[in-house]
Amino acid sequence: MSAQLDVDGPAAPPRSNGELVFAEPWQSRAFGMAVGLCEAGAFTWTRFQAALIARIAAWEAAAAPDEPYDYYQLWLAALEDVLVERSAVSAGEVAERAGALARRRPGHDHPDRPGPGHAH
């Protein structure tokens, strides 16, 4: 099964001149993770789209007027929703991993690893 990205509508990812737009590296990784998991059969694209549309609608209903819209935060939340729903990951595991990532030094989105010549 392959993901069929919406070009228009509430679930359509940001584009510029027809190309997908990612402002941060994590956004493209979250995007690729969702597409890859769908193509691997972890969930259907229709289910992911429904979760994304629900997340967008909830944000629209609750957002303060000056709150910036962050499509890929909602994308990531929708991915978490479908993975928790499928019991592929628990909500606690998602929160634990997010906390661990948040504690990393700025600019380091990978685990600290010893350099050459250091013991493992």
C-alpha atoms as a PDB file:
ATOM      1  CA  MET A   1       0.000   0.000   0.000  1.00  0.00           C
ATOM      2  CA  SER A   2       1.351   3.432  -0.787  1.00  0.00           C
ATOM      3  CA  ALA A   3       0.520   6.743   0.792  1.00  0.00           C
ATOM      4  CA  GLN A   4      -1.541   9.061  -1.370  1.00  0.00           C
ATOM      5  CA  LEU A   5      -0.748  12.591  -0.184  1.00  0.00           C
ATOM      6  CA  ASP A   6      -3.507  15.135  -0.365  1.00  0.00           C
ATOM      7  CA  VAL A   7      -2.676  18.091  -2.580  1.00  0.00           C
ATOM      8  CA  ASP A   8      -5.592  20.153  -1.266  1.00  0.00           C
ATOM      9  CA  GLY A   9      -7.705  20.021   1.859  1.00  0.00           C
ATOM     10  CA  PRO A  10      -7.016  19.978   5.564  1.00  0.00           C
ATOM     11  CA  ALA A  11      -4.521  17.097   5.503  1.00  0.00           C
ATOM     12  CA  ALA A  12      -2.421  18.469   2.621  1.00  0.00           C
ATOM     13  CA  PRO A  13       1.206  19.053   3.615  1.00  0.00           C
ATOM     14  CA  PRO A  14       2.800  22.474   3.047  1.00  0.00           C
ATOM     15  CA  ARG A  15       4.154  22.958  -0.464  1.00  0.00           C
ATOM     16  CA  SER A  16       6.026  25.590  -2.429  1.00  0.00           C
ATOM     17  CA  ASN A  17       5.930  25.356  -6.229  1.00  0.00           C
ATOM     18  CA  GLY A  18       4.502  21.843  -5.857  1.00  0.00           C
ATOM     19  CA  GLU A  19       7.379  20.614  -3.671  1.00  0.00           C
ATOM     20  CA  LEU A  20       6.981  19.583  -0.034  1.00  0.00           C
ATOM     21  CA  VAL A  21       8.323  22.162   2.428  1.00  0.00           C
ATOM     22  CA  PHE A  22      10.131  21.250   5.647  1.00  0.00           C
ATOM     23  CA  ALA A  23      11.401  24.052   7.905  1.00  0.00           C
ATOM     24  CA  GLU A  24      13.284  21.699  10.241  1.00  0.00           C
ATOM     25  CA  PRO A  25      15.036  18.335   9.714  1.00  0.00           C
ATOM     26  CA  TRP A  26      12.746  16.590  12.231  1.00  0.00           C
ATOM     27  CA  GLN A  27       9.741  17.488  10.065  1.00  0.00           C
ATOM     28  CA  SER A  28      11.035  15.561   7.070  1.00  0.00           C
ATOM     29  CA  ARG A  29      11.916  12.623   9.322  1.00  0.00           C
ATOM     30  CA  ALA A  30       8.427  12.590  10.880  1.00  0.00           C
ATOM     31  CA  PHE A  31       6.940  12.778   7.395  1.00  0.00           C
ATOM     32  CA  GLY A  32       9.097   9.914   6.133  1.00  0.00           C
ATOM     33  CA  MET A  33       8.399   7.829   9.212  1.00  0.00           C
ATOM     34  CA  ALA A  34       4.638   8.074   8.702  1.00  0.00           C
ATOM     35  CA  VAL A  35       4.878   7.256   4.994  1.00  0.00           C
ATOM     36  CA  GLY A  36       7.291   4.377   5.625  1.00  0.00           C
ATOM     37  CA  LEU A  37       5.194   2.870   8.411  1.00  0.00           C
ATOM     38  CA  CYS A  38       2.088   3.086   6.238  1.00  0.00           C
ATOM     39  CA  GLU A  39       3.860   1.440   3.321  1.00  0.00           C
ATOM     40  CA  ALA A  40       5.099  -1.291   5.709  1.00  0.00           C
ATOM     41  CA  GLY A  41       1.475  -1.998   6.671  1.00  0.00           C
ATOM     42  CA  ALA A  42       1.523  -0.562  10.209  1.00  0.00           C
ATOM     43  CA  PHE A  43      -1.681   1.378   9.435  1.00  0.00           C
ATOM     44  CA  THR A  44      -3.703   2.510   6.442  1.00  0.00           C
ATOM     45  CA  TRP A  45      -3.152   5.914   4.914  1.00  0.00           C
ATOM     46  CA  THR A  46      -6.891   6.572   5.223  1.00  0.00           C
ATOM     47  CA  ARG A  47      -6.631   6.023   8.994  1.00  0.00           C
ATOM     48  CA  PHE A  48      -3.615   8.331   9.244  1.00  0.00           C
ATOM     49  CA  GLN A  49      -5.375  11.039   7.229  1.00  0.00           C
ATOM     50  CA  ALA A  50      -8.414  10.807   9.511  1.00  0.00           C
ATOM     51  CA  ALA A  51      -6.175  11.152  12.592  1.00  0.00           C
ATOM     52  CA  LEU A  52      -4.398  14.138  11.040  1.00  0.00           C
ATOM     53  CA  ILE A  53      -7.664  15.849  10.095  1.00  0.00           C
ATOM     54  CA  ALA A  54      -8.966  15.256  13.641  1.00  0.00           C
ATOM     55  CA  ARG A  55      -5.786  16.769  15.129  1.00  0.00           C
ATOM     56  CA  ILE A  56      -6.050  19.808  12.829  1.00  0.00           C
ATOM     57  CA  ALA A  57      -9.733  20.308  13.699  1.00  0.00           C
ATOM     58  CA  ALA A  58      -8.991  20.045  17.434  1.00  0.00           C
ATOM     59  CA  TRP A  59      -6.186  22.583  17.103  1.00  0.00           C
ATOM     60  CA  GLU A  60      -8.437  24.968  15.163  1.00  0.00           C
ATOM     61  CA  ALA A  61     -11.141  24.677  17.828  1.00  0.00           C
ATOM     62  CA  ALA A  62      -8.794  25.244  20.766  1.00  0.00           C
ATOM     63  CA  ALA A  63      -5.997  27.493  19.466  1.00  0.00           C
ATOM     64  CA  ALA A  64      -5.592  31.014  20.736  1.00  0.00           C
ATOM     65  CA  PRO A  65      -5.819  33.635  17.966  1.00  0.00           C
ATOM     66  CA  ASP A  66      -2.074  34.353  18.127  1.00  0.00           C
ATOM     67  CA  GLU A  67      -0.988  30.693  18.432  1.00  0.00           C
ATOM     68  CA  PRO A  68       1.129  29.719  15.408  1.00  0.00           C
ATOM     69  CA  TYR A  69      -0.048  26.832  13.257  1.00  0.00           C
ATOM     70  CA  ASP A  70       2.493  24.007  13.151  1.00  0.00           C
ATOM     71  CA  TYR A  71       1.392  21.422  10.594  1.00  0.00           C
ATOM     72  CA  TYR A  72       4.171  18.963  11.375  1.00  0.00           C
ATOM     73  CA  GLN A  73       3.541  19.034  15.135  1.00  0.00           C
ATOM     74  CA  LEU A  74      -0.011  17.958  14.295  1.00  0.00           C
ATOM     75  CA  TRP A  75       1.362  15.410  11.804  1.00  0.00           C
ATOM     76  CA  LEU A  76       3.554  13.911  14.509  1.00  0.00           C
ATOM     77  CA  ALA A  77       0.661  13.876  17.011  1.00  0.00           C
ATOM     78  CA  ALA A  78      -1.517  12.066  14.443  1.00  0.00           C
ATOM     79  CA  LEU A  79       1.249   9.522  13.892  1.00  0.00           C
ATOM     80  CA  GLU A  80       1.431   8.941  17.639  1.00  0.00           C
ATOM     81  CA  ASP A  81      -2.356   8.548  17.734  1.00  0.00           C
ATOM     82  CA  VAL A  82      -2.416   5.795  15.111  1.00  0.00           C
ATOM     83  CA  LEU A  83       0.561   3.989  16.624  1.00  0.00           C
ATOM     84  CA  VAL A  84      -0.980   4.056  20.115  1.00  0.00           C
ATOM     85  CA  GLU A  85      -4.316   2.957  18.624  1.00  0.00           C
ATOM     86  CA  ARG A  86      -2.598  -0.017  16.941  1.00  0.00           C
ATOM     87  CA  SER A  87      -0.743  -0.815  20.196  1.00  0.00           C
ATOM     88  CA  ALA A  88       2.537  -0.397  18.307  1.00  0.00           C
ATOM     89  CA  VAL A  89       3.669   1.952  21.067  1.00  0.00           C
ATOM     90  CA  SER A  90       2.125   3.107  24.328  1.00  0.00           C
ATOM     91  CA  ALA A  91       1.357   6.720  25.173  1.00  0.00           C
ATOM     92  CA  GLY A  92       3.817   6.408  28.064  1.00  0.00           C
ATOM     93  CA  GLU A  93       6.593   5.282  25.715  1.00  0.00           C
ATOM     94  CA  VAL A  94       5.916   8.249  23.447  1.00  0.00           C
ATOM     95  CA  ALA A  95       6.059  10.673  26.389  1.00  0.00           C
ATOM     96  CA  GLU A  96       9.235   9.056  27.754  1.00  0.00           C
ATOM     97  CA  ARG A  97      11.022   9.220  24.409  1.00  0.00           C
ATOM     98  CA  ALA A  98       9.870  12.805  23.782  1.00  0.00           C
ATOM     99  CA  GLY A  99      11.225  13.808  27.194  1.00  0.00           C
ATOM    100  CA  ALA A 100      14.568  12.153  26.475  1.00  0.00           C
ATOM    101  CA  LEU A 101      14.827  13.964  23.162  1.00  0.00           C
ATOM    102  CA  ALA A 102      13.866  17.290  24.749  1.00  0.00           C
ATOM    103  CA  ARG A 103      16.706  16.961  27.266  1.00  0.00           C
ATOM    104  CA  ARG A 104      19.367  16.751  24.562  1.00  0.00           C
ATOM    105  CA  ARG A 105      21.647  19.674  23.859  1.00  0.00           C
ATOM    106  CA  PRO A 106      20.321  22.056  21.217  1.00  0.00           C
ATOM    107  CA  GLY A 107      21.348  21.008  17.729  1.00  0.00           C
ATOM    108  CA  HIS A 108      21.842  17.363  18.679  1.00  0.00           C
ATOM    109  CA  ASP A 109      18.964  15.242  17.463  1.00  0.00           C
ATOM    110  CA  HIS A 110      20.905  11.998  17.784  1.00  0.00           C
ATOM    111  CA  PRO A 111      22.218  10.146  20.834  1.00  0.00           C
ATOM    112  CA  ASP A 112      25.558  11.253  22.204  1.00  0.00           C
ATOM    113  CA  ARG A 113      28.175   8.765  21.120  1.00  0.00           C
ATOM    114  CA  PRO A 114      31.787   8.514  22.153  1.00  0.00           C
ATOM    115  CA  GLY A 115      34.257   9.801  19.593  1.00  0.00           C
ATOM    116  CA  PRO A 116      37.006   7.695  17.997  1.00  0.00           C
ATOM    117  CA  GLY A 117      39.307   6.131  20.544  1.00  0.00           C
ATOM    118  CA  HIS A 118      36.776   6.336  23.386  1.00  0.00           C
ATOM    119  CA  ALA A 119      35.545   3.273  25.220  1.00  0.00           C
ATOM    120  CA  HIS A 120      31.931   2.258  24.568  1.00  0.00           C
END
